């Protein structure tokens, strides 16, 4: 009984130390003691973030050979390479919490782990690549800038470089849309069509309203998130409306209007039934995206096995040197 009480006192003291660090704004590092809930929340969020970066390469990869110029191909290739790197940073950061990359991939393939709803929509035209860069990566930047100050050190540091590269992606997408809006009537129509199809899914990227988001409370308490879903969504809308006006695109929301009292735009109702349908596996491209990832992952097994064999060989040589 005495031993049990002593153990409880130790756990209480460790929790108090953790909470003090969070309160002061200090980073939590991999070797620091942390509550299981904090660790599990980070693994869920970081693995989902990593999966989203990797799955997000698919709709753009389909357009490499169809990009309208050599310059456009080069830029798109660089962007896709960046996204693969972002996945690598995030998987590596998540591994510091005691989960292996194999386990994270297994959770993705089994459906236990999710990725962003946005990547289950098709990229039908070149304008869609512009919309993905401008709207999807633009929404990601709004969310990820605040993650540079997230409480978990490895995640925070990974986000610094990711945000720099995401800003390039957003400019690439906006340039595509701006060029199309200064082109022919057919190009303008194509750009507006892409805007109409990607606007609402982009707003859904921030997650449900705060009152309906099951993870927001803990995330804010632990300073994993610095802003709520609705705050981030409002920031995205405010800046994107102005960008759309500059190039002549119309936001597909008849209820959109400026609110002097709040200092933000009011927007129409988001179709959350669609959001939950997509994340549950019934989106336009859910099956296609996952089957592609599974196939490519299996085809790349020999590379991972060769790398592991080489690592073991190097360790063996070091032991005998």
Protein backbone atom coordinates (compact mmCIF):
# COMPACT_ATOMS: atom_id res chain seq x y z
CA UNK A 1 0.00 0.00 0.00
CA UNK A 2 2.83 2.37 0.87
CA UNK A 3 4.57 1.56 -2.43
CA UNK A 4 1.37 2.28 -4.36
CA UNK A 5 0.93 5.64 -2.66
CA UNK A 6 4.55 6.54 -3.36
CA UNK A 7 4.09 5.66 -7.04
CA UNK A 8 0.98 7.85 -7.23
CA UNK A 9 2.92 10.74 -5.68
CA UNK A 10 5.67 10.31 -8.28
CA UNK A 11 3.13 10.30 -11.14
CA UNK A 12 1.42 13.37 -9.70
CA UNK A 13 4.73 15.20 -9.48
CA UNK A 14 5.64 14.25 -13.07
CA UNK A 15 2.27 15.50 -14.30
CA UNK A 16 2.71 18.76 -12.39
CA UNK A 17 6.16 19.21 -13.96
CA UNK A 18 4.69 18.59 -17.44
CA UNK A 19 1.87 21.05 -16.89
CA UNK A 20 4.29 23.69 -15.60
CA UNK A 21 6.37 23.38 -18.77
CA UNK A 22 3.27 23.71 -20.93
CA UNK A 23 2.12 26.75 -18.94
CA UNK A 24 5.51 28.47 -19.32
CA UNK A 25 5.56 27.76 -23.05
CA UNK A 26 8.59 25.46 -22.90
CA UNK A 27 8.95 22.72 -25.49
CA UNK A 28 8.21 19.13 -24.58
CA UNK A 29 11.01 16.89 -25.88
CA UNK A 30 10.99 13.13 -26.62
CA UNK A 31 12.69 12.11 -23.36
CA UNK A 32 10.41 14.25 -21.21
CA UNK A 33 7.70 12.55 -19.19
CA UNK A 34 4.29 13.21 -20.71
CA UNK A 35 0.72 11.99 -20.14
CA UNK A 36 -0.42 9.09 -22.32
CA UNK A 37 -3.23 11.27 -23.64
CA UNK A 38 -0.75 13.87 -24.88
CA UNK A 39 1.40 11.23 -26.58
CA UNK A 40 -1.61 9.55 -28.23
CA UNK A 41 -3.02 12.86 -29.42
CA UNK A 42 0.30 13.80 -31.02
CA UNK A 43 0.70 10.41 -32.71
CA UNK A 44 -2.81 10.68 -34.15
CA UNK A 45 -2.31 14.25 -35.38
CA UNK A 46 1.25 13.89 -36.66
CA UNK A 47 0.65 10.59 -38.45
CA UNK A 48 -2.50 12.01 -40.06
CA UNK A 49 -0.48 15.03 -41.15
CA UNK A 50 2.27 12.81 -42.61
CA UNK A 51 -0.24 10.57 -44.40
CA UNK A 52 -1.90 13.67 -45.89
CA UNK A 53 1.38 14.93 -47.32
CA UNK A 54 2.12 11.59 -48.99
CA UNK A 55 -1.40 10.88 -50.26
CA UNK A 56 -1.54 14.47 -51.52
CA UNK A 57 1.21 13.68 -54.02
CA UNK A 58 -1.19 11.50 -56.02
CA UNK A 59 -3.60 14.01 -57.64
CA UNK A 60 -0.68 16.24 -58.64
CA UNK A 61 1.52 13.38 -59.83
CA UNK A 62 -1.13 12.55 -62.42
CA UNK A 63 -0.53 15.95 -64.04
CA UNK A 64 3.27 15.90 -64.43
CA UNK A 65 3.16 14.62 -68.02
CA UNK A 66 0.21 16.89 -68.89
CA UNK A 67 1.50 20.18 -67.48
CA UNK A 68 1.28 22.86 -70.21
CA UNK A 69 4.99 23.81 -70.32
CA UNK A 70 8.42 22.59 -69.31
CA UNK A 71 8.54 25.28 -66.62
CA UNK A 72 5.21 24.09 -65.22
CA UNK A 73 6.49 20.50 -65.16
CA UNK A 74 9.64 21.52 -63.29
CA UNK A 75 7.71 23.48 -60.69
CA UNK A 76 5.16 20.68 -60.19
CA UNK A 77 7.92 18.08 -59.83
CA UNK A 78 9.66 20.26 -57.22
CA UNK A 79 6.41 20.67 -55.33
CA UNK A 80 5.66 16.94 -55.27
CA UNK A 81 9.21 16.25 -54.09
CA UNK A 82 8.70 18.77 -51.27
CA UNK A 83 5.54 16.97 -50.17
CA UNK A 84 7.35 13.64 -50.01
CA UNK A 85 9.96 15.35 -47.84
CA UNK A 86 7.28 16.78 -45.57
CA UNK A 87 5.92 13.29 -45.02
CA UNK A 88 9.44 12.11 -44.14
CA UNK A 89 9.95 14.92 -41.59
CA UNK A 90 6.61 14.20 -39.95
CA UNK A 91 6.97 10.42 -39.84
CA UNK A 92 10.43 10.89 -38.30
CA UNK A 93 9.08 13.34 -35.72
CA UNK A 94 6.23 10.97 -34.82
CA UNK A 95 8.71 8.10 -34.36
CA UNK A 96 10.25 10.01 -31.45
CA UNK A 97 7.03 9.23 -29.57
CA UNK A 98 7.66 5.49 -29.69
CA UNK A 99 5.63 4.44 -32.73
CA UNK A 100 7.33 2.90 -35.76
CA UNK A 101 6.78 4.02 -39.33
CA UNK A 102 5.64 0.51 -40.25
CA UNK A 103 2.93 0.74 -37.60
CA UNK A 104 1.77 4.14 -38.86
CA UNK A 105 1.57 2.86 -42.44
CA UNK A 106 -0.27 -0.25 -41.26
CA UNK A 107 -2.82 1.94 -39.47
CA UNK A 108 -3.32 3.97 -42.66
CA UNK A 109 -3.86 0.86 -44.78
CA UNK A 110 -6.29 -0.67 -42.28
CA UNK A 111 -8.36 2.52 -42.09
CA UNK A 112 -7.52 3.14 -38.43
CA UNK A 113 -5.55 6.25 -39.33
CA UNK A 114 -6.98 9.02 -41.51
CA UNK A 115 -5.62 11.65 -43.87
CA UNK A 116 -7.08 14.99 -44.93
CA UNK A 117 -10.51 14.80 -46.58
CA UNK A 118 -9.36 17.12 -49.37
CA UNK A 119 -7.22 14.51 -51.11
CA UNK A 120 -10.21 12.33 -51.91
CA UNK A 121 -11.37 14.71 -54.65
CA UNK A 122 -10.25 14.34 -58.28
CA UNK A 123 -8.02 16.81 -60.14
CA UNK A 124 -9.96 17.02 -63.41
CA UNK A 125 -8.18 19.89 -65.19
CA UNK A 126 -4.96 21.90 -65.02
CA UNK A 127 -6.95 24.58 -63.17
CA UNK A 128 -7.46 22.03 -60.39
CA UNK A 129 -3.69 21.97 -59.87
CA UNK A 130 -3.87 25.73 -59.45
CA UNK A 131 -6.76 25.42 -56.99
CA UNK A 132 -4.92 22.75 -55.00
CA UNK A 133 -1.85 24.95 -54.70
CA UNK A 134 -3.71 28.16 -53.93
CA UNK A 135 -6.62 26.93 -51.82
CA UNK A 136 -5.51 23.60 -50.35
CA UNK A 137 -1.93 24.61 -49.61
CA UNK A 138 -3.15 28.06 -48.62
CA UNK A 139 -5.43 26.48 -46.02
CA UNK A 140 -2.56 24.25 -44.89
CA UNK A 141 -0.31 27.28 -44.37
CA UNK A 142 -2.87 29.01 -42.15
CA UNK A 143 -3.04 25.92 -39.97
CA UNK A 144 0.65 25.09 -40.05
CA UNK A 145 2.03 28.54 -39.23
CA UNK A 146 0.56 28.18 -35.75
CA UNK A 147 2.05 24.68 -35.50
CA UNK A 148 5.52 26.24 -35.60
CA UNK A 149 4.76 27.13 -31.97
CA UNK A 150 3.19 23.81 -31.01
CA UNK A 151 4.31 22.44 -27.65
CA UNK A 152 6.07 19.30 -28.92
CA UNK A 153 9.59 20.24 -29.99
CA UNK A 154 10.20 17.82 -32.90
CA UNK A 155 6.83 18.70 -34.44
CA UNK A 156 7.43 22.42 -34.02
CA UNK A 157 10.87 22.28 -35.62
CA UNK A 158 9.65 20.19 -38.56
CA UNK A 159 6.96 22.77 -39.25
CA UNK A 160 9.44 25.63 -39.67
CA UNK A 161 10.85 24.19 -42.89
CA UNK A 162 7.52 22.80 -44.06
CA UNK A 163 5.89 26.24 -43.83
CA UNK A 164 8.62 27.85 -45.92
CA UNK A 165 8.08 25.31 -48.67
CA UNK A 166 4.28 25.46 -48.44
CA UNK A 167 4.39 29.20 -49.12
CA UNK A 168 6.09 28.39 -52.44
CA UNK A 169 3.33 25.88 -53.21
CA UNK A 170 0.64 28.45 -52.51
CA UNK A 171 2.27 31.00 -54.82
CA UNK A 172 2.59 28.37 -57.56
CA UNK A 173 -1.13 27.64 -57.40
CA UNK A 174 -2.14 31.29 -57.33
CA UNK A 175 0.06 31.99 -60.36
CA UNK A 176 -1.72 29.26 -62.33
CA UNK A 177 -5.14 30.66 -61.45
CA UNK A 178 -4.08 34.26 -62.19
CA UNK A 179 -2.72 33.31 -65.63
CA UNK A 180 -5.90 31.43 -66.50
CA UNK A 181 -8.05 34.38 -65.40
CA UNK A 182 -6.08 36.63 -67.77
CA UNK A 183 -6.49 34.18 -70.65
CA UNK A 184 -9.32 33.08 -72.91
CA UNK A 185 -12.97 32.76 -71.91
CA UNK A 186 -12.55 28.98 -71.83
CA UNK A 187 -9.58 29.28 -69.47
CA UNK A 188 -11.49 31.67 -67.20
CA UNK A 189 -14.42 29.25 -67.13
CA UNK A 190 -12.07 26.38 -66.26
CA UNK A 191 -10.53 28.37 -63.40
CA UNK A 192 -13.94 29.34 -61.99
CA UNK A 193 -15.13 25.73 -62.23
CA UNK A 194 -12.11 24.57 -60.22
CA UNK A 195 -12.80 27.31 -57.68
CA UNK A 196 -16.41 26.17 -57.35
CA UNK A 197 -15.41 22.55 -56.70
CA UNK A 198 -12.49 23.14 -54.31
CA UNK A 199 -13.75 26.03 -52.16
CA UNK A 200 -15.98 24.12 -49.78
CA UNK A 201 -13.70 21.08 -49.33
CA UNK A 202 -10.91 23.57 -48.51
CA UNK A 203 -13.01 25.07 -45.71
CA UNK A 204 -13.64 21.56 -44.38
CA UNK A 205 -9.88 21.03 -44.04
CA UNK A 206 -9.90 22.94 -40.75
CA UNK A 207 -12.20 20.37 -39.21
CA UNK A 208 -15.66 20.63 -37.63
CA UNK A 209 -16.87 23.66 -35.73
CA UNK A 210 -15.20 23.95 -32.31
CA UNK A 211 -18.32 22.80 -30.49
CA UNK A 212 -18.35 19.56 -32.51
CA UNK A 213 -14.62 18.77 -32.60
CA UNK A 214 -13.77 16.02 -30.07
CA UNK A 215 -10.04 16.75 -29.97
CA UNK A 216 -9.92 20.56 -29.83
CA UNK A 217 -10.19 20.86 -26.03
CA UNK A 218 -7.14 18.77 -25.18
CA UNK A 219 -5.16 20.16 -28.11
CA UNK A 220 -5.66 23.74 -26.91
CA UNK A 221 -5.06 22.84 -23.25
CA UNK A 222 -1.73 21.18 -24.10
CA UNK A 223 -0.85 23.97 -26.58
CA UNK A 224 -0.59 21.48 -29.41
CA UNK A 225 -3.00 23.83 -31.18
CA UNK A 226 -2.76 27.57 -30.63
CA UNK A 227 -5.98 28.47 -32.41
CA UNK A 228 -9.37 26.82 -32.76
CA UNK A 229 -10.73 25.36 -36.01
CA UNK A 230 -13.15 28.26 -36.52
CA UNK A 231 -10.47 30.90 -35.88
CA UNK A 232 -8.16 29.34 -38.47
CA UNK A 233 -10.99 28.98 -40.99
CA UNK A 234 -11.86 32.66 -40.58
CA UNK A 235 -8.24 33.70 -41.21
CA UNK A 236 -8.16 31.64 -44.39
CA UNK A 237 -11.42 33.07 -45.71
CA UNK A 238 -10.40 36.67 -44.96
CA UNK A 239 -7.18 36.52 -46.96
CA UNK A 240 -8.47 34.30 -49.77
CA UNK A 241 -11.50 36.46 -50.58
CA UNK A 242 -9.20 39.41 -51.27
CA UNK A 243 -6.87 37.30 -53.42
CA UNK A 244 -9.84 36.04 -55.47
CA UNK A 245 -11.09 39.58 -56.05
CA UNK A 246 -7.71 40.68 -57.43
CA UNK A 247 -7.79 38.13 -60.26
CA UNK A 248 -11.55 38.22 -60.86
CA UNK A 249 -12.64 34.88 -59.38
CA UNK A 250 -16.01 34.58 -57.64
CA UNK A 251 -16.27 32.81 -54.27
CA UNK A 252 -19.08 30.23 -54.65
CA UNK A 253 -20.94 31.33 -51.51
CA UNK A 254 -24.03 33.54 -51.87
CA UNK A 255 -24.05 34.14 -48.10
CA UNK A 256 -20.48 35.46 -47.95
CA UNK A 257 -20.36 39.01 -46.55
CA UNK A 258 -18.13 41.21 -44.42
CA UNK A 259 -19.10 41.58 -40.76
CA UNK A 260 -17.90 44.85 -39.20
CA UNK A 261 -18.71 43.62 -35.70
CA UNK A 262 -16.43 40.57 -35.87
CA UNK A 263 -13.85 41.92 -38.30
CA UNK A 264 -14.23 38.77 -40.43
CA UNK A 265 -16.33 37.49 -43.29
CA UNK A 266 -19.48 35.55 -42.49
CA UNK A 267 -19.89 32.49 -44.69
CA UNK A 268 -22.63 30.07 -45.64
CA UNK A 269 -23.32 26.70 -44.03
CA UNK A 270 -20.75 23.98 -44.64
CA UNK A 271 -22.11 20.59 -45.68
CA UNK A 272 -20.71 18.52 -42.83
CA UNK A 273 -22.58 15.45 -44.06
CA UNK A 274 -20.29 15.47 -47.08
CA UNK A 275 -17.24 15.91 -44.84
CA UNK A 276 -18.09 12.89 -42.68
CA UNK A 277 -19.01 10.83 -45.74
CA UNK A 278 -15.61 11.49 -47.29
CA UNK A 279 -13.52 10.81 -44.17
CA UNK A 280 -15.47 7.61 -43.55
CA UNK A 281 -14.32 6.28 -46.92
CA UNK A 282 -17.09 7.23 -49.34
CA UNK A 283 -15.48 10.16 -51.15
CA UNK A 284 -14.97 10.26 -54.94
CA UNK A 285 -11.38 8.96 -54.77
CA UNK A 286 -10.99 7.22 -51.38
CA UNK A 287 -10.62 3.73 -52.83
CA UNK A 288 -8.37 4.89 -55.66
CA UNK A 289 -6.01 6.80 -53.36
CA UNK A 290 -5.64 3.96 -50.86
CA UNK A 291 -5.22 1.19 -53.42
CA UNK A 292 -2.53 3.21 -55.17
CA UNK A 293 -0.67 3.76 -51.90
CA UNK A 294 -0.86 0.09 -50.96
CA UNK A 295 0.39 -1.02 -54.38
CA UNK A 296 3.31 1.39 -54.48
CA UNK A 297 4.22 0.60 -50.86
CA UNK A 298 4.35 -3.12 -51.72
CA UNK A 299 6.38 -2.48 -54.87
CA UNK A 300 8.91 -0.49 -52.83
CA UNK A 301 9.45 -3.23 -50.24
CA UNK A 302 12.72 -4.32 -51.86
CA UNK A 303 14.17 -0.82 -51.43
CA UNK A 304 13.40 -0.82 -47.70
CA UNK A 305 14.81 -4.34 -47.34
CA UNK A 306 18.00 -3.36 -49.19
CA UNK A 307 18.45 -0.27 -47.03
CA UNK A 308 17.97 -2.35 -43.86
CA UNK A 309 20.47 -4.97 -45.08
CA UNK A 310 23.02 -2.24 -45.84
CA UNK A 311 22.53 -0.70 -42.39
CA UNK A 312 23.04 -4.09 -40.72
CA UNK A 313 26.17 -4.67 -42.79
CA UNK A 314 27.62 -1.31 -41.78
CA UNK A 315 26.92 -1.99 -38.09
CA UNK A 316 28.58 -5.39 -38.35
CA UNK A 317 31.68 -3.87 -39.92
CA UNK A 318 31.87 -1.27 -37.17
CA UNK A 319 31.70 -3.97 -34.50
CA UNK A 320 34.64 -5.82 -36.04
CA UNK A 321 36.77 -2.81 -36.87
